N, C-alpha and C. Protein backbone atom coordinates (compact mmCIF):
# COMPACT_ATOMS: atom_id res chain seq x y z
N MET A 1 -25.07 20.26 29.86
CA MET A 1 -26.42 19.74 29.64
C MET A 1 -26.92 20.24 28.29
N ILE A 2 -27.54 19.34 27.55
CA ILE A 2 -28.14 19.67 26.26
C ILE A 2 -29.64 19.48 26.40
N GLU A 3 -30.40 20.43 25.85
CA GLU A 3 -31.85 20.37 25.93
C GLU A 3 -32.42 20.63 24.54
N PHE A 4 -33.42 19.85 24.15
CA PHE A 4 -34.11 20.12 22.90
C PHE A 4 -35.58 19.75 23.04
N THR A 5 -36.39 20.32 22.17
CA THR A 5 -37.83 20.02 22.19
C THR A 5 -38.19 19.23 20.95
N HIS A 6 -39.30 18.52 21.05
CA HIS A 6 -39.77 17.71 19.94
C HIS A 6 -41.30 17.70 19.96
N VAL A 7 -41.89 17.93 18.79
CA VAL A 7 -43.34 17.82 18.65
C VAL A 7 -43.64 16.42 18.12
N VAL A 8 -44.47 15.69 18.82
CA VAL A 8 -44.78 14.30 18.49
C VAL A 8 -45.68 14.25 17.26
N LYS A 9 -45.22 13.52 16.24
CA LYS A 9 -45.95 13.41 14.98
C LYS A 9 -46.66 12.06 14.82
N ASP A 10 -46.23 11.05 15.55
CA ASP A 10 -46.84 9.73 15.42
C ASP A 10 -48.32 9.82 15.77
N PRO A 11 -49.19 9.29 14.92
CA PRO A 11 -50.63 9.38 15.17
C PRO A 11 -51.07 8.72 16.48
N LEU A 12 -50.26 7.82 17.01
CA LEU A 12 -50.60 7.15 18.27
C LEU A 12 -49.88 7.76 19.47
N GLY A 13 -49.08 8.80 19.24
CA GLY A 13 -48.32 9.40 20.33
C GLY A 13 -47.13 8.51 20.69
N ILE A 14 -46.71 8.59 21.94
CA ILE A 14 -45.61 7.72 22.39
C ILE A 14 -46.23 6.55 23.14
N TYR A 15 -46.27 5.42 22.47
CA TYR A 15 -46.82 4.19 23.03
C TYR A 15 -45.66 3.21 23.24
N GLU A 16 -45.96 1.95 23.44
CA GLU A 16 -44.96 0.96 23.85
C GLU A 16 -43.76 0.86 22.89
N GLN A 17 -44.01 0.74 21.60
CA GLN A 17 -42.90 0.53 20.66
C GLN A 17 -41.94 1.73 20.60
N PRO A 18 -42.41 2.97 20.39
CA PRO A 18 -41.45 4.07 20.37
C PRO A 18 -40.80 4.32 21.73
N ALA A 19 -41.53 4.08 22.81
CA ALA A 19 -40.94 4.25 24.14
C ALA A 19 -39.81 3.26 24.35
N SER A 20 -40.00 2.03 23.89
CA SER A 20 -38.95 1.01 24.00
C SER A 20 -37.74 1.36 23.15
N ARG A 21 -37.97 1.87 21.95
CA ARG A 21 -36.86 2.28 21.09
C ARG A 21 -36.04 3.39 21.74
N LEU A 22 -36.74 4.37 22.30
CA LEU A 22 -36.04 5.47 22.98
C LEU A 22 -35.25 4.96 24.18
N ALA A 23 -35.87 4.10 24.97
CA ALA A 23 -35.20 3.56 26.16
C ALA A 23 -33.96 2.77 25.77
N LYS A 24 -34.08 1.97 24.72
CA LYS A 24 -32.94 1.18 24.26
C LYS A 24 -31.80 2.10 23.79
N GLU A 25 -32.14 3.12 23.03
CA GLU A 25 -31.11 4.05 22.54
C GLU A 25 -30.48 4.82 23.70
N ALA A 26 -31.30 5.33 24.62
CA ALA A 26 -30.79 6.11 25.75
C ALA A 26 -29.89 5.26 26.65
N SER A 27 -30.21 3.98 26.76
CA SER A 27 -29.44 3.09 27.64
C SER A 27 -28.03 2.80 27.11
N ARG A 28 -27.78 3.13 25.87
CA ARG A 28 -26.46 2.92 25.29
C ARG A 28 -25.44 3.94 25.82
N TYR A 29 -25.90 4.97 26.49
CA TYR A 29 -25.03 6.06 26.91
C TYR A 29 -25.00 6.19 28.43
N ASN A 30 -23.91 6.77 28.92
CA ASN A 30 -23.79 7.03 30.36
C ASN A 30 -24.59 8.26 30.78
N ALA A 31 -24.87 9.13 29.84
CA ALA A 31 -25.57 10.39 30.15
C ALA A 31 -26.96 10.11 30.73
N ALA A 32 -27.37 10.99 31.63
CA ALA A 32 -28.73 10.95 32.16
C ALA A 32 -29.65 11.60 31.12
N VAL A 33 -30.77 10.94 30.84
CA VAL A 33 -31.69 11.44 29.82
C VAL A 33 -33.09 11.52 30.43
N THR A 34 -33.68 12.70 30.38
CA THR A 34 -35.04 12.88 30.89
C THR A 34 -35.93 13.47 29.81
N MET A 35 -37.21 13.17 29.92
CA MET A 35 -38.22 13.75 29.03
C MET A 35 -39.23 14.47 29.91
N ILE A 36 -39.58 15.66 29.51
CA ILE A 36 -40.50 16.49 30.30
C ILE A 36 -41.71 16.82 29.45
N LYS A 37 -42.89 16.61 30.03
CA LYS A 37 -44.15 17.04 29.41
C LYS A 37 -44.94 17.75 30.50
N GLY A 38 -45.10 19.03 30.33
CA GLY A 38 -45.78 19.82 31.35
C GLY A 38 -44.98 19.80 32.63
N SER A 39 -45.59 19.34 33.71
CA SER A 39 -44.90 19.28 35.00
C SER A 39 -44.37 17.88 35.31
N LYS A 40 -44.57 16.94 34.38
CA LYS A 40 -44.14 15.56 34.59
C LYS A 40 -42.76 15.33 33.97
N VAL A 41 -41.94 14.55 34.68
CA VAL A 41 -40.59 14.23 34.22
C VAL A 41 -40.42 12.71 34.23
N ALA A 42 -39.80 12.19 33.14
CA ALA A 42 -39.58 10.75 33.05
C ALA A 42 -38.13 10.46 32.70
N ASN A 43 -37.61 9.36 33.23
CA ASN A 43 -36.30 8.87 32.87
C ASN A 43 -36.46 8.11 31.56
N VAL A 44 -35.81 8.57 30.49
CA VAL A 44 -35.99 7.97 29.17
C VAL A 44 -35.42 6.55 29.10
N LYS A 45 -34.56 6.18 30.02
CA LYS A 45 -33.98 4.84 30.00
C LYS A 45 -34.99 3.78 30.46
N GLY A 46 -36.14 4.20 30.89
CA GLY A 46 -37.22 3.28 31.29
C GLY A 46 -38.45 3.52 30.44
N SER A 47 -38.81 2.56 29.59
CA SER A 47 -39.93 2.75 28.67
C SER A 47 -41.25 2.99 29.41
N LEU A 48 -41.47 2.31 30.52
CA LEU A 48 -42.70 2.53 31.28
C LEU A 48 -42.75 3.93 31.86
N ASP A 49 -41.61 4.46 32.25
CA ASP A 49 -41.53 5.82 32.75
C ASP A 49 -41.94 6.80 31.66
N VAL A 50 -41.43 6.57 30.45
CA VAL A 50 -41.78 7.44 29.31
C VAL A 50 -43.27 7.34 29.00
N MET A 51 -43.81 6.13 28.98
CA MET A 51 -45.23 5.95 28.68
C MET A 51 -46.12 6.59 29.74
N SER A 52 -45.62 6.72 30.95
CA SER A 52 -46.42 7.33 32.03
C SER A 52 -46.69 8.81 31.78
N LEU A 53 -45.95 9.42 30.86
CA LEU A 53 -46.18 10.83 30.53
C LEU A 53 -47.45 11.02 29.70
N ILE A 54 -47.94 9.94 29.10
CA ILE A 54 -49.14 9.97 28.25
C ILE A 54 -49.01 11.07 27.18
N VAL A 55 -48.02 10.88 26.31
CA VAL A 55 -47.75 11.86 25.24
C VAL A 55 -48.58 11.50 24.02
N LYS A 56 -49.33 12.49 23.52
CA LYS A 56 -50.21 12.28 22.37
C LYS A 56 -49.68 13.05 21.16
N THR A 57 -50.25 12.75 20.02
CA THR A 57 -49.90 13.44 18.78
C THR A 57 -50.07 14.95 18.98
N GLY A 58 -49.06 15.70 18.55
CA GLY A 58 -49.10 17.16 18.65
C GLY A 58 -48.53 17.70 19.95
N ASP A 59 -48.32 16.84 20.94
CA ASP A 59 -47.72 17.30 22.20
C ASP A 59 -46.26 17.65 21.98
N THR A 60 -45.79 18.63 22.73
CA THR A 60 -44.38 19.00 22.71
C THR A 60 -43.73 18.48 23.98
N VAL A 61 -42.62 17.78 23.80
CA VAL A 61 -41.84 17.29 24.94
C VAL A 61 -40.46 17.93 24.91
N THR A 62 -39.86 18.05 26.07
CA THR A 62 -38.50 18.56 26.18
C THR A 62 -37.62 17.42 26.67
N VAL A 63 -36.50 17.24 25.99
CA VAL A 63 -35.55 16.18 26.37
C VAL A 63 -34.28 16.85 26.87
N THR A 64 -33.79 16.41 28.02
CA THR A 64 -32.51 16.90 28.54
C THR A 64 -31.53 15.74 28.61
N VAL A 65 -30.31 16.03 28.23
CA VAL A 65 -29.25 15.01 28.23
C VAL A 65 -28.06 15.61 28.96
N SER A 66 -27.56 14.90 29.97
CA SER A 66 -26.48 15.43 30.78
C SER A 66 -25.51 14.32 31.17
N GLY A 67 -24.22 14.54 30.86
CA GLY A 67 -23.21 13.55 31.23
C GLY A 67 -22.05 13.54 30.26
N ASP A 68 -21.14 12.59 30.48
CA ASP A 68 -19.91 12.51 29.70
C ASP A 68 -20.14 12.46 28.19
N ASP A 69 -21.08 11.64 27.75
CA ASP A 69 -21.30 11.46 26.32
C ASP A 69 -22.59 12.14 25.84
N GLU A 70 -22.91 13.26 26.45
CA GLU A 70 -24.17 13.94 26.15
C GLU A 70 -24.30 14.39 24.70
N GLN A 71 -23.20 14.81 24.07
CA GLN A 71 -23.27 15.27 22.68
C GLN A 71 -23.76 14.15 21.76
N GLU A 72 -23.12 13.01 21.84
CA GLU A 72 -23.50 11.88 20.98
C GLU A 72 -24.89 11.37 21.33
N ALA A 73 -25.18 11.27 22.63
CA ALA A 73 -26.49 10.79 23.06
C ALA A 73 -27.60 11.71 22.57
N ALA A 74 -27.43 13.01 22.70
CA ALA A 74 -28.45 13.96 22.26
C ALA A 74 -28.64 13.87 20.75
N HIS A 75 -27.55 13.76 20.03
CA HIS A 75 -27.63 13.66 18.57
C HIS A 75 -28.43 12.42 18.15
N ARG A 76 -28.11 11.27 18.73
CA ARG A 76 -28.78 10.02 18.37
C ARG A 76 -30.25 10.01 18.81
N LEU A 77 -30.53 10.54 19.99
CA LEU A 77 -31.91 10.57 20.46
C LEU A 77 -32.76 11.52 19.62
N ARG A 78 -32.21 12.65 19.26
CA ARG A 78 -32.93 13.59 18.39
C ARG A 78 -33.25 12.90 17.06
N HIS A 79 -32.26 12.20 16.51
CA HIS A 79 -32.46 11.48 15.25
C HIS A 79 -33.57 10.43 15.40
N CYS A 80 -33.50 9.64 16.46
CA CYS A 80 -34.53 8.62 16.72
C CYS A 80 -35.92 9.23 16.80
N MET A 81 -36.03 10.30 17.52
CA MET A 81 -37.32 10.94 17.70
C MET A 81 -37.86 11.49 16.38
N ASN A 82 -36.99 12.07 15.58
CA ASN A 82 -37.42 12.59 14.28
C ASN A 82 -37.86 11.46 13.35
N GLU A 83 -37.22 10.31 13.46
CA GLU A 83 -37.54 9.17 12.60
C GLU A 83 -38.82 8.43 13.04
N TYR A 84 -38.99 8.22 14.32
CA TYR A 84 -40.03 7.31 14.81
C TYR A 84 -41.16 7.92 15.60
N ILE A 85 -41.00 9.15 16.03
CA ILE A 85 -42.04 9.70 16.92
C ILE A 85 -42.59 10.99 16.34
């Protein structure tokens, strides 16, 4: 399992467009991908699940990636988050 944190920089937080981008990227891999904010956990492969976390600018989220292709998935998701969120 790989775990990393990310501080959200987008002025709008995680809304529909970045949530969809993350879900699309996460769905390319077999690994299970979750995002955690406080006590809430979301499956990153579902954009509505991610949006249900109500992540705002400055919030810190933790992403966990677990499975066969976790190395590549974690690398690409971290890159996506740094670029778009």
